[in-house]
C-alpha atoms as a PDB file:
ATOM      1  CA  MET A   1    -126.134  12.262  21.531  1.00  0.00           C
ATOM      2  CA  ARG A   2    -122.389  12.819  21.911  1.00  0.00           C
ATOM      3  CA  PHE A   3    -121.041  15.167  24.578  1.00  0.00           C
ATOM      4  CA  ARG A   4    -117.590  16.700  25.154  1.00  0.00           C
ATOM      5  CA  VAL A   5    -116.083  19.197  27.596  1.00  0.00           C
ATOM      6  CA  GLY A   6    -113.054  21.414  27.030  1.00  0.00           C
ATOM      7  CA  GLN A   7    -111.145  23.827  29.196  1.00  0.00           C
ATOM      8  CA  GLY A   8    -109.159  26.893  28.259  1.00  0.00           C
ATOM      9  CA  PHE A   9    -106.774  29.276  30.001  1.00  0.00           C
ATOM     10  CA  ASP A  10    -104.981  32.465  29.053  1.00  0.00           C
ATOM     11  CA  ALA A  11    -103.063  35.256  30.777  1.00  0.00           C
ATOM     12  CA  HIS A  12    -101.584  38.522  29.542  1.00  0.00           C
ATOM     13  CA  ALA A  13     -99.642  41.365  31.133  1.00  0.00           C
ATOM     14  CA  LEU A  14    -101.238  44.755  31.748  1.00  0.00           C
ATOM     15  CA  VAL A  15     -99.293  47.626  30.149  1.00  0.00           C
ATOM     16  CA  PRO A  16     -99.865  51.324  29.425  1.00  0.00           C
ATOM     17  CA  GLY A  17    -100.946  52.338  25.945  1.00  0.00           C
ATOM     18  CA  ARG A  18    -103.124  49.329  25.121  1.00  0.00           C
ATOM     19  CA  ARG A  19    -106.904  48.902  25.138  1.00  0.00           C
ATOM     20  CA  LEU A  20    -108.392  46.606  27.773  1.00  0.00           C
ATOM     21  CA  VAL A  21    -110.798  44.292  25.963  1.00  0.00           C
ATOM     22  CA  LEU A  22    -112.544  41.272  27.518  1.00  0.00           C
ATOM     23  CA  ALA A  23    -115.038  39.222  25.498  1.00  0.00           C
ATOM     24  CA  GLY A  24    -115.021  41.987  22.913  1.00  0.00           C
ATOM     25  CA  VAL A  25    -116.079  44.621  25.463  1.00  0.00           C
ATOM     26  CA  GLU A  26    -113.759  47.563  26.022  1.00  0.00           C
ATOM     27  CA  LEU A  27    -113.381  48.277  29.739  1.00  0.00           C
ATOM     28  CA  GLY A  28    -111.404  51.509  29.430  1.00  0.00           C
ATOM     29  CA  GLY A  29    -108.705  52.596  31.850  1.00  0.00           C
ATOM     30  CA  PRO A  30    -105.052  53.577  31.615  1.00  0.00           C
ATOM     31  CA  ARG A  31    -103.716  50.090  30.847  1.00  0.00           C
ATOM     32  CA  GLY A  32    -104.598  47.233  28.566  1.00  0.00           C
ATOM     33  CA  LEU A  33    -103.400  43.731  27.838  1.00  0.00           C
ATOM     34  CA  LEU A  34    -100.193  43.089  25.924  1.00  0.00           C
ATOM     35  CA  GLY A  35    -100.330  40.558  23.117  1.00  0.00           C
ATOM     36  CA  HIS A  36     -99.962  39.900  19.409  1.00  0.00           C
ATOM     37  CA  SER A  37    -103.708  40.306  18.861  1.00  0.00           C
ATOM     38  CA  ASP A  38    -105.974  42.510  20.980  1.00  0.00           C
ATOM     39  CA  ALA A  39    -104.949  40.185  23.878  1.00  0.00           C
ATOM     40  CA  ASP A  40    -108.547  39.468  24.931  1.00  0.00           C
ATOM     41  CA  VAL A  41    -107.749  36.800  27.538  1.00  0.00           C
ATOM     42  CA  LEU A  42    -111.372  35.753  27.937  1.00  0.00           C
ATOM     43  CA  ALA A  43    -111.955  35.223  24.219  1.00  0.00           C
ATOM     44  CA  HIS A  44    -108.643  33.329  24.027  1.00  0.00           C
ATOM     45  CA  ALA A  45    -109.604  31.026  26.906  1.00  0.00           C
ATOM     46  CA  VAL A  46    -112.964  30.315  25.246  1.00  0.00           C
ATOM     47  CA  ILE A  47    -111.243  29.563  21.918  1.00  0.00           C
ATOM     48  CA  ASP A  48    -108.911  27.089  23.626  1.00  0.00           C
ATOM     49  CA  ALA A  49    -111.846  25.443  25.420  1.00  0.00           C
ATOM     50  CA  LEU A  50    -113.759  25.079  22.125  1.00  0.00           C
ATOM     51  CA  LEU A  51    -110.786  23.701  20.254  1.00  0.00           C
ATOM     52  CA  GLY A  52    -109.840  21.371  23.089  1.00  0.00           C
ATOM     53  CA  ALA A  53    -113.336  19.925  23.430  1.00  0.00           C
ATOM     54  CA  SER A  54    -113.571  19.291  19.700  1.00  0.00           C
ATOM     55  CA  GLY A  55    -110.049  17.867  19.407  1.00  0.00           C
ATOM     56  CA  LEU A  56    -108.919  20.619  17.029  1.00  0.00           C
ATOM     57  CA  GLY A  57    -105.800  21.715  18.904  1.00  0.00           C
ATOM     58  CA  ASP A  58    -105.321  25.134  20.458  1.00  0.00           C
ATOM     59  CA  ILE A  59    -105.366  28.840  19.685  1.00  0.00           C
ATOM     60  CA  GLY A  60    -101.617  28.947  18.986  1.00  0.00           C
ATOM     61  CA  ALA A  61    -101.904  26.289  16.296  1.00  0.00           C
ATOM     62  CA  MET A  62    -104.955  27.848  14.652  1.00  0.00           C
ATOM     63  CA  PHE A  63    -103.846  31.493  14.963  1.00  0.00           C
ATOM     64  CA  PRO A  64    -100.033  31.544  15.399  1.00  0.00           C
ATOM     65  CA  ASP A  65     -98.533  34.739  16.790  1.00  0.00           C
ATOM     66  CA  GLY A  66     -95.834  34.546  14.129  1.00  0.00           C
ATOM     67  CA  ASP A  67     -98.475  35.132  11.442  1.00  0.00           C
ATOM     68  CA  SER A  68     -98.705  38.839  10.645  1.00  0.00           C
ATOM     69  CA  ARG A  69    -102.397  38.407   9.695  1.00  0.00           C
ATOM     70  CA  ASN A  70    -103.121  37.934  13.395  1.00  0.00           C
ATOM     71  CA  ARG A  71    -101.370  41.162  14.467  1.00  0.00           C
ATOM     72  CA  ASP A  72    -103.846  43.300  16.455  1.00  0.00           C
ATOM     73  CA  ALA A  73    -106.628  40.893  15.431  1.00  0.00           C
ATOM     74  CA  ASP A  74    -110.071  41.206  16.996  1.00  0.00           C
ATOM     75  CA  SER A  75    -110.232  38.107  19.194  1.00  0.00           C
ATOM     76  CA  MET A  76    -114.004  37.886  18.863  1.00  0.00           C
ATOM     77  CA  GLN A  77    -113.500  37.443  15.108  1.00  0.00           C
ATOM     78  CA  LEU A  78    -110.961  34.715  15.881  1.00  0.00           C
ATOM     79  CA  LEU A  79    -113.568  33.113  18.150  1.00  0.00           C
ATOM     80  CA  ALA A  80    -116.094  33.177  15.304  1.00  0.00           C
ATOM     81  CA  LEU A  81    -113.568  31.458  13.000  1.00  0.00           C
ATOM     82  CA  ALA A  82    -112.790  28.805  15.619  1.00  0.00           C
ATOM     83  CA  LEU A  83    -116.517  28.214  16.104  1.00  0.00           C
ATOM     84  CA  GLN A  84    -116.918  27.664  12.337  1.00  0.00           C
ATOM     85  CA  ARG A  85    -114.273  24.913  12.502  1.00  0.00           C
ATOM     86  CA  VAL A  86    -115.945  23.311  15.531  1.00  0.00           C
ATOM     87  CA  ARG A  87    -119.352  23.390  13.840  1.00  0.00           C
ATOM     88  CA  ALA A  88    -117.871  21.978  10.624  1.00  0.00           C
ATOM     89  CA  ASP A  89    -116.914  18.913  12.676  1.00  0.00           C
ATOM     90  CA  GLY A  90    -120.556  18.541  13.738  1.00  0.00           C
ATOM     91  CA  TRP A  91    -120.374  20.075  17.219  1.00  0.00           C
ATOM     92  CA  GLN A  92    -122.703  22.637  18.806  1.00  0.00           C
ATOM     93  CA  VAL A  93    -121.953  24.703  21.895  1.00  0.00           C
ATOM     94  CA  ALA A  94    -124.302  23.885  24.774  1.00  0.00           C
ATOM     95  CA  ASN A  95    -122.937  26.374  27.321  1.00  0.00           C
ATOM     96  CA  ILE A  96    -119.781  28.053  28.586  1.00  0.00           C
ATOM     97  CA  ASP A  97    -118.587  28.917  32.078  1.00  0.00           C
ATOM     98  CA  CYS A  98    -115.805  31.469  32.492  1.00  0.00           C
ATOM     99  CA  THR A  99    -113.755  33.032  35.276  1.00  0.00           C
ATOM    100  CA  ILE A 100    -111.749  36.245  34.915  1.00  0.00           C
ATOM    101  CA  ILE A 101    -108.980  36.619  37.491  1.00  0.00           C
ATOM    102  CA  ALA A 102    -108.037  40.251  38.121  1.00  0.00           C
ATOM    103  CA  GLN A 103    -107.536  42.460  41.145  1.00  0.00           C
ATOM    104  CA  GLN A 104    -108.427  45.491  39.038  1.00  0.00           C
ATOM    105  CA  PRO A 105    -110.534  46.567  37.261  1.00  0.00           C
ATOM    106  CA  LYS A 106    -113.707  45.312  38.888  1.00  0.00           C
ATOM    107  CA  ILE A 107    -115.372  42.906  36.452  1.00  0.00           C
ATOM    108  CA  ALA A 108    -118.962  42.961  37.764  1.00  0.00           C
ATOM    109  CA  PRO A 109    -120.047  46.161  35.947  1.00  0.00           C
ATOM    110  CA  PHE A 110    -119.113  44.581  32.595  1.00  0.00           C
ATOM    111  CA  VAL A 111    -120.366  41.015  33.051  1.00  0.00           C
ATOM    112  CA  GLU A 112    -123.735  41.407  31.315  1.00  0.00           C
ATOM    113  CA  ALA A 113    -122.197  43.104  28.271  1.00  0.00           C
ATOM    114  CA  MET A 114    -119.550  40.377  28.058  1.00  0.00           C
ATOM    115  CA  ARG A 115    -122.181  37.635  28.377  1.00  0.00           C
ATOM    116  CA  ARG A 116    -124.213  39.185  25.543  1.00  0.00           C
ATOM    117  CA  SER A 117    -121.087  39.586  23.404  1.00  0.00           C
ATOM    118  CA  LEU A 118    -119.991  35.960  23.791  1.00  0.00           C
ATOM    119  CA  ALA A 119    -123.556  34.692  23.389  1.00  0.00           C
ATOM    120  CA  GLY A 120    -123.912  36.632  20.137  1.00  0.00           C
ATOM    121  CA  VAL A 121    -120.776  35.156  18.592  1.00  0.00           C
ATOM    122  CA  LEU A 122    -121.473  31.628  19.845  1.00  0.00           C
ATOM    123  CA  GLY A 123    -125.164  31.599  18.869  1.00  0.00           C
ATOM    124  CA  LEU A 124    -126.282  31.099  22.471  1.00  0.00           C
ATOM    125  CA  THR A 125    -128.686  32.852  24.794  1.00  0.00           C
ATOM    126  CA  PRO A 126    -126.943  34.906  27.488  1.00  0.00           C
ATOM    127  CA  ALA A 127    -128.353  32.420  30.019  1.00  0.00           C
ATOM    128  CA  ALA A 128    -125.991  29.780  28.546  1.00  0.00           C
ATOM    129  CA  VAL A 129    -122.946  31.995  29.207  1.00  0.00           C
ATOM    130  CA  SER A 130    -121.590  32.347  32.730  1.00  0.00           C
ATOM    131  CA  ILE A 131    -118.864  34.871  33.586  1.00  0.00           C
ATOM    132  CA  LYS A 132    -117.465  35.409  37.048  1.00  0.00           C
ATOM    133  CA  GLY A 133    -114.868  37.892  38.232  1.00  0.00           C
ATOM    134  CA  LYS A 134    -112.463  36.771  40.945  1.00  0.00           C
ATOM    135  CA  THR A 135    -109.529  38.383  42.719  1.00  0.00           C
ATOM    136  CA  THR A 136    -106.583  36.618  44.288  1.00  0.00           C
ATOM    137  CA  GLU A 137    -106.705  38.816  47.405  1.00  0.00           C
ATOM    138  CA  TRP A 138    -103.569  40.673  46.251  1.00  0.00           C
ATOM    139  CA  LEU A 139    -101.572  37.447  45.679  1.00  0.00           C
ATOM    140  CA  GLY A 140     -99.565  36.650  42.538  1.00  0.00           C
ATOM    141  CA  PHE A 141     -99.266  38.577  39.272  1.00  0.00           C
ATOM    142  CA  THR A 142    -103.023  39.217  39.048  1.00  0.00           C
ATOM    143  CA  GLY A 143    -103.152  40.396  42.666  1.00  0.00           C
ATOM    144  CA  ARG A 144    -100.277  42.804  42.094  1.00  0.00           C
ATOM    145  CA  GLY A 145    -102.098  44.215  39.064  1.00  0.00           C
ATOM    146  CA  GLU A 146     -99.456  42.992  36.615  1.00  0.00           C
ATOM    147  CA  GLY A 147    -101.897  41.080  34.437  1.00  0.00           C
ATOM    148  CA  ILE A 148    -105.233  39.382  33.967  1.00  0.00           C
ATOM    149  CA  ALA A 149    -105.959  35.668  33.567  1.00  0.00           C
ATOM    150  CA  ALA A 150    -109.064  33.833  32.364  1.00  0.00           C
ATOM    151  CA  LEU A 151    -110.390  30.287  32.553  1.00  0.00           C
ATOM    152  CA  ALA A 152    -113.169  28.828  30.409  1.00  0.00           C
ATOM    153  CA  VAL A 153    -115.042  25.549  30.264  1.00  0.00           C
ATOM    154  CA  VAL A 154    -117.245  24.684  27.303  1.00  0.00           C
ATOM    155  CA  ALA A 155    -119.714  21.865  26.760  1.00  0.00           C
ATOM    156  CA  LEU A 156    -120.255  20.631  23.197  1.00  0.00           C
ATOM    157  CA  THR A 157    -122.980  18.347  21.898  1.00  0.00           C
ATOM    158  CA  ALA A 158    -123.495  16.496  18.634  1.00  0.00           C
ATOM    159  CA  ASP A 159    -126.172  14.141  17.345  1.00  0.00           C
END
């Protein structure tokens, strides 16, 4: 059996007038993440981890922000497309481990919905998807409430 690990990272600014979506789950609130697509930082970090582990590049190469087809795109659909490419190369996702870095909103009330959402797209059980919310104790851009960042690690296997 072959085994690979990939990591992903993304960060976006919080701004008024946008939806706040993480792992395809809308959190509500007065501000959302600014980006070319729906700016789902968690989905983007998972995409980069998948593509990195499989040697297929990164989210910017697969879904360039200069391509108008990606404008306001649903990042969970982009994740599904990236997963198709990874599977076409013979890889299967074993598990993912994610961290969302945000002072606000609190992530804990949404973790189970986000786990189910990612598991559904990736063909995993929710037990194979870990999501943790962390603050920076008011330090940096996430601590000041200027944005949200996400980290993801994915394990891939192939026969």
